[in-house]
């Protein structure tokens, strides 16, 4: 796992994009955990909250989520089950597949997502104050482009 301390031990003259993205993700995730405290959103595990965000942005079946994340179906099913118990998701049947399920946000889940989006906006405002709005929007644009780059 790459962390900012890995830079001291790296033979590379400059940090990798992957390492920088991972370090940034960890910092943003840590800040989001801090912002969630006391909001009612902190009753859900951070990893489950991240999975919920993924499901909202890119709906997929439990099997597809597991394959895309490189984990077992059981691992994803456990996290989804916790979100179902919290009332954030429901599981819909997948036509033509008796085994797989499609996790779908509930009304309660969508309300929680709105709260989380407000926290993300707060975090982005903090970043804009540190980096400047123009740099932040440049970063957003570059990340959007990077997400469109096809890898085989």
C-alpha atoms as a PDB file:
ATOM      1  CA  UNK A   1       0.000   0.000   0.000  1.00  0.00           C
ATOM      2  CA  UNK A   2       1.344   3.406  -0.959  1.00  0.00           C
ATOM      3  CA  UNK A   3       1.370   6.132   1.633  1.00  0.00           C
ATOM      4  CA  UNK A   4       3.093   9.456   1.857  1.00  0.00           C
ATOM      5  CA  UNK A   5       5.830   7.805   3.943  1.00  0.00           C
ATOM      6  CA  UNK A   6       6.556   5.469   0.999  1.00  0.00           C
ATOM      7  CA  UNK A   7       8.055   8.450  -0.820  1.00  0.00           C
ATOM      8  CA  UNK A   8      11.030   8.302   1.550  1.00  0.00           C
ATOM      9  CA  UNK A   9      11.662   4.668   0.614  1.00  0.00           C
ATOM     10  CA  UNK A  10      10.889   4.902  -3.083  1.00  0.00           C
ATOM     11  CA  UNK A  11      13.604   4.542  -5.706  1.00  0.00           C
ATOM     12  CA  UNK A  12      11.523   6.725  -8.023  1.00  0.00           C
ATOM     13  CA  UNK A  13      12.660  10.309  -8.560  1.00  0.00           C
ATOM     14  CA  UNK A  14       9.061  11.482  -8.419  1.00  0.00           C
ATOM     15  CA  UNK A  15       5.845  10.159  -6.892  1.00  0.00           C
ATOM     16  CA  UNK A  16       3.555   8.072  -9.072  1.00  0.00           C
ATOM     17  CA  UNK A  17       0.094   9.258 -10.092  1.00  0.00           C
ATOM     18  CA  UNK A  18      -1.380   6.137  -8.483  1.00  0.00           C
ATOM     19  CA  UNK A  19       0.428   6.811  -5.213  1.00  0.00           C
ATOM     20  CA  UNK A  20      -0.593  10.472  -5.201  1.00  0.00           C
ATOM     21  CA  UNK A  21      -4.232   9.573  -5.871  1.00  0.00           C
ATOM     22  CA  UNK A  22      -4.157   6.972  -3.109  1.00  0.00           C
ATOM     23  CA  UNK A  23      -2.583   9.405  -0.624  1.00  0.00           C
ATOM     24  CA  UNK A  24      -5.133  12.064  -1.571  1.00  0.00           C
ATOM     25  CA  UNK A  25      -8.008   9.578  -1.228  1.00  0.00           C
ATOM     26  CA  UNK A  26      -6.805   8.663   2.270  1.00  0.00           C
ATOM     27  CA  UNK A  27      -6.625  12.334   3.315  1.00  0.00           C
ATOM     28  CA  UNK A  28     -10.067  13.098   1.890  1.00  0.00           C
ATOM     29  CA  UNK A  29     -11.513   9.960   3.482  1.00  0.00           C
ATOM     30  CA  UNK A  30     -10.046  10.893   6.871  1.00  0.00           C
ATOM     31  CA  UNK A  31     -11.501  14.407   6.603  1.00  0.00           C
ATOM     32  CA  UNK A  32     -14.888  13.008   5.596  1.00  0.00           C
ATOM     33  CA  UNK A  33     -14.876  10.740   8.666  1.00  0.00           C
ATOM     34  CA  UNK A  34     -14.225  13.829  10.820  1.00  0.00           C
ATOM     35  CA  UNK A  35     -17.029  15.777   9.131  1.00  0.00           C
ATOM     36  CA  UNK A  36     -19.497  12.878   9.535  1.00  0.00           C
ATOM     37  CA  UNK A  37     -19.078  12.825  13.341  1.00  0.00           C
ATOM     38  CA  UNK A  38     -22.257  13.812  15.138  1.00  0.00           C
ATOM     39  CA  UNK A  39     -24.325  14.074  11.946  1.00  0.00           C
ATOM     40  CA  UNK A  40     -26.064  10.717  12.194  1.00  0.00           C
ATOM     41  CA  UNK A  41     -24.049   9.590   9.178  1.00  0.00           C
ATOM     42  CA  UNK A  42     -21.325   8.271  11.452  1.00  0.00           C
ATOM     43  CA  UNK A  43     -23.398   5.218  12.432  1.00  0.00           C
ATOM     44  CA  UNK A  44     -22.344   3.599   9.149  1.00  0.00           C
ATOM     45  CA  UNK A  45     -18.817   2.258   8.737  1.00  0.00           C
ATOM     46  CA  UNK A  46     -16.640   4.455   6.485  1.00  0.00           C
ATOM     47  CA  UNK A  47     -16.048   1.547   4.086  1.00  0.00           C
ATOM     48  CA  UNK A  48     -19.804   0.943   3.866  1.00  0.00           C
ATOM     49  CA  UNK A  49     -20.384   4.660   3.244  1.00  0.00           C
ATOM     50  CA  UNK A  50     -17.842   4.515   0.399  1.00  0.00           C
ATOM     51  CA  UNK A  51     -19.630   1.491  -1.071  1.00  0.00           C
ATOM     52  CA  UNK A  52     -22.955   3.338  -0.791  1.00  0.00           C
ATOM     53  CA  UNK A  53     -21.476   6.303  -2.708  1.00  0.00           C
ATOM     54  CA  UNK A  54     -20.269   3.916  -5.414  1.00  0.00           C
ATOM     55  CA  UNK A  55     -23.703   2.297  -5.684  1.00  0.00           C
ATOM     56  CA  UNK A  56     -25.354   5.719  -6.010  1.00  0.00           C
ATOM     57  CA  UNK A  57     -22.932   6.914  -8.703  1.00  0.00           C
ATOM     58  CA  UNK A  58     -22.590   3.648 -10.635  1.00  0.00           C
ATOM     59  CA  UNK A  59     -25.452   1.189  -9.967  1.00  0.00           C
ATOM     60  CA  UNK A  60     -24.320  -2.421 -10.286  1.00  0.00           C
ATOM     61  CA  UNK A  61     -25.296  -5.830  -8.987  1.00  0.00           C
ATOM     62  CA  UNK A  62     -23.636  -7.315  -5.911  1.00  0.00           C
ATOM     63  CA  UNK A  63     -21.592  -9.623  -8.178  1.00  0.00           C
ATOM     64  CA  UNK A  64     -20.465  -6.740 -10.395  1.00  0.00           C
ATOM     65  CA  UNK A  65     -19.474  -4.662  -7.363  1.00  0.00           C
ATOM     66  CA  UNK A  66     -17.393  -7.561  -6.039  1.00  0.00           C
ATOM     67  CA  UNK A  67     -15.705  -8.155  -9.388  1.00  0.00           C
ATOM     68  CA  UNK A  68     -14.974  -4.442  -9.922  1.00  0.00           C
ATOM     69  CA  UNK A  69     -13.504  -4.087  -6.420  1.00  0.00           C
ATOM     70  CA  UNK A  70     -11.558  -7.336  -6.596  1.00  0.00           C
ATOM     71  CA  UNK A  71     -13.180  -8.792  -3.479  1.00  0.00           C
ATOM     72  CA  UNK A  72     -15.464 -11.718  -2.805  1.00  0.00           C
ATOM     73  CA  UNK A  73     -19.183 -11.530  -3.421  1.00  0.00           C
ATOM     74  CA  UNK A  74     -19.661 -12.430   0.250  1.00  0.00           C
ATOM     75  CA  UNK A  75     -17.612  -9.410   1.328  1.00  0.00           C
ATOM     76  CA  UNK A  76     -19.771  -7.034  -0.715  1.00  0.00           C
ATOM     77  CA  UNK A  77     -22.934  -8.831   0.375  1.00  0.00           C
ATOM     78  CA  UNK A  78     -21.981  -8.309   4.047  1.00  0.00           C
ATOM     79  CA  UNK A  79     -21.468  -4.578   3.527  1.00  0.00           C
ATOM     80  CA  UNK A  80     -24.671  -4.276   1.492  1.00  0.00           C
ATOM     81  CA  UNK A  81     -26.561  -6.200   4.193  1.00  0.00           C
ATOM     82  CA  UNK A  82     -25.354  -3.703   6.825  1.00  0.00           C
ATOM     83  CA  UNK A  83     -26.614  -0.859   4.613  1.00  0.00           C
ATOM     84  CA  UNK A  84     -29.948  -2.654   4.171  1.00  0.00           C
ATOM     85  CA  UNK A  85     -30.213  -3.036   7.966  1.00  0.00           C
ATOM     86  CA  UNK A  86     -29.452   0.687   8.331  1.00  0.00           C
ATOM     87  CA  UNK A  87     -32.299   1.423   5.922  1.00  0.00           C
ATOM     88  CA  UNK A  88     -30.035   3.018   3.300  1.00  0.00           C
ATOM     89  CA  UNK A  89     -30.450   0.308   0.642  1.00  0.00           C
ATOM     90  CA  UNK A  90     -32.920  -2.287  -0.511  1.00  0.00           C
ATOM     91  CA  UNK A  91     -32.123  -5.327  -2.633  1.00  0.00           C
ATOM     92  CA  UNK A  92     -34.093  -5.737  -5.843  1.00  0.00           C
ATOM     93  CA  UNK A  93     -34.132  -8.937  -7.890  1.00  0.00           C
ATOM     94  CA  UNK A  94     -32.142  -9.023 -11.111  1.00  0.00           C
ATOM     95  CA  UNK A  95     -34.318 -10.185 -14.022  1.00  0.00           C
ATOM     96  CA  UNK A  96     -33.152 -13.555 -15.307  1.00  0.00           C
ATOM     97  CA  UNK A  97     -30.843 -14.149 -12.331  1.00  0.00           C
ATOM     98  CA  UNK A  98     -32.244 -15.823  -9.230  1.00  0.00           C
ATOM     99  CA  UNK A  99     -29.020 -15.448  -7.244  1.00  0.00           C
ATOM    100  CA  UNK A 100     -27.792 -11.900  -7.813  1.00  0.00           C
ATOM    101  CA  UNK A 101     -29.379  -8.751  -6.399  1.00  0.00           C
ATOM    102  CA  UNK A 102     -29.298  -5.078  -7.323  1.00  0.00           C
ATOM    103  CA  UNK A 103     -28.675  -2.761  -4.349  1.00  0.00           C
ATOM    104  CA  UNK A 104     -30.872   0.333  -4.696  1.00  0.00           C
ATOM    105  CA  UNK A 105     -30.849   3.419  -2.431  1.00  0.00           C
ATOM    106  CA  UNK A 106     -33.989   3.886  -0.335  1.00  0.00           C
ATOM    107  CA  UNK A 107     -35.595   7.222   0.459  1.00  0.00           C
ATOM    108  CA  UNK A 108     -33.682   7.193   3.760  1.00  0.00           C
ATOM    109  CA  UNK A 109     -30.477   6.432   1.865  1.00  0.00           C
ATOM    110  CA  UNK A 110     -31.071   9.289  -0.564  1.00  0.00           C
ATOM    111  CA  UNK A 111     -31.653  11.667   2.360  1.00  0.00           C
ATOM    112  CA  UNK A 112     -28.359  10.518   3.901  1.00  0.00           C
ATOM    113  CA  UNK A 113     -26.677  11.042   0.531  1.00  0.00           C
ATOM    114  CA  UNK A 114     -27.898  14.658   0.467  1.00  0.00           C
ATOM    115  CA  UNK A 115     -26.386  15.202   3.928  1.00  0.00           C
ATOM    116  CA  UNK A 116     -23.131  13.618   2.781  1.00  0.00           C
ATOM    117  CA  UNK A 117     -23.081  15.763  -0.372  1.00  0.00           C
ATOM    118  CA  UNK A 118     -23.334  18.865   1.833  1.00  0.00           C
ATOM    119  CA  UNK A 119     -20.312  17.621   3.798  1.00  0.00           C
ATOM    120  CA  UNK A 120     -18.417  16.993   0.564  1.00  0.00           C
ATOM    121  CA  UNK A 121     -19.243  20.554  -0.545  1.00  0.00           C
ATOM    122  CA  UNK A 122     -17.869  21.801   2.789  1.00  0.00           C
ATOM    123  CA  UNK A 123     -14.689  19.789   2.278  1.00  0.00           C
ATOM    124  CA  UNK A 124     -14.333  21.097  -1.281  1.00  0.00           C
ATOM    125  CA  UNK A 125     -14.757  24.650   0.021  1.00  0.00           C
ATOM    126  CA  UNK A 126     -11.896  23.999   2.462  1.00  0.00           C
ATOM    127  CA  UNK A 127      -9.783  22.776  -0.462  1.00  0.00           C
ATOM    128  CA  UNK A 128     -10.704  25.835  -2.535  1.00  0.00           C
ATOM    129  CA  UNK A 129      -9.577  28.074   0.322  1.00  0.00           C
ATOM    130  CA  UNK A 130      -6.216  26.270   0.457  1.00  0.00           C
ATOM    131  CA  UNK A 131      -5.574  25.734  -3.261  1.00  0.00           C
ATOM    132  CA  UNK A 132      -7.683  28.423  -4.875  1.00  0.00           C
ATOM    133  CA  UNK A 133     -10.920  27.828  -6.790  1.00  0.00           C
ATOM    134  CA  UNK A 134      -9.199  27.808 -10.189  1.00  0.00           C
ATOM    135  CA  UNK A 135      -6.713  25.082  -9.207  1.00  0.00           C
ATOM    136  CA  UNK A 136      -9.475  23.020  -7.626  1.00  0.00           C
ATOM    137  CA  UNK A 137     -11.581  23.201 -10.797  1.00  0.00           C
ATOM    138  CA  UNK A 138      -8.510  22.338 -12.904  1.00  0.00           C
ATOM    139  CA  UNK A 139      -7.962  19.300 -10.680  1.00  0.00           C
ATOM    140  CA  UNK A 140     -11.625  18.296 -11.048  1.00  0.00           C
ATOM    141  CA  UNK A 141     -11.348  18.542 -14.834  1.00  0.00           C
ATOM    142  CA  UNK A 142      -8.144  16.488 -14.934  1.00  0.00           C
ATOM    143  CA  UNK A 143      -9.667  13.800 -12.712  1.00  0.00           C
ATOM    144  CA  UNK A 144     -12.744  13.648 -14.946  1.00  0.00           C
ATOM    145  CA  UNK A 145     -10.493  13.204 -17.982  1.00  0.00           C
ATOM    146  CA  UNK A 146      -8.460  10.543 -16.194  1.00  0.00           C
ATOM    147  CA  UNK A 147     -11.638   8.630 -15.349  1.00  0.00           C
ATOM    148  CA  UNK A 148     -12.514   8.568 -19.056  1.00  0.00           C
ATOM    149  CA  UNK A 149      -9.160   7.052 -20.087  1.00  0.00           C
ATOM    150  CA  UNK A 150      -9.839   3.442 -21.111  1.00  0.00           C
ATOM    151  CA  UNK A 151      -7.569   0.765 -19.698  1.00  0.00           C
ATOM    152  CA  UNK A 152      -7.617  -2.680 -21.238  1.00  0.00           C
END
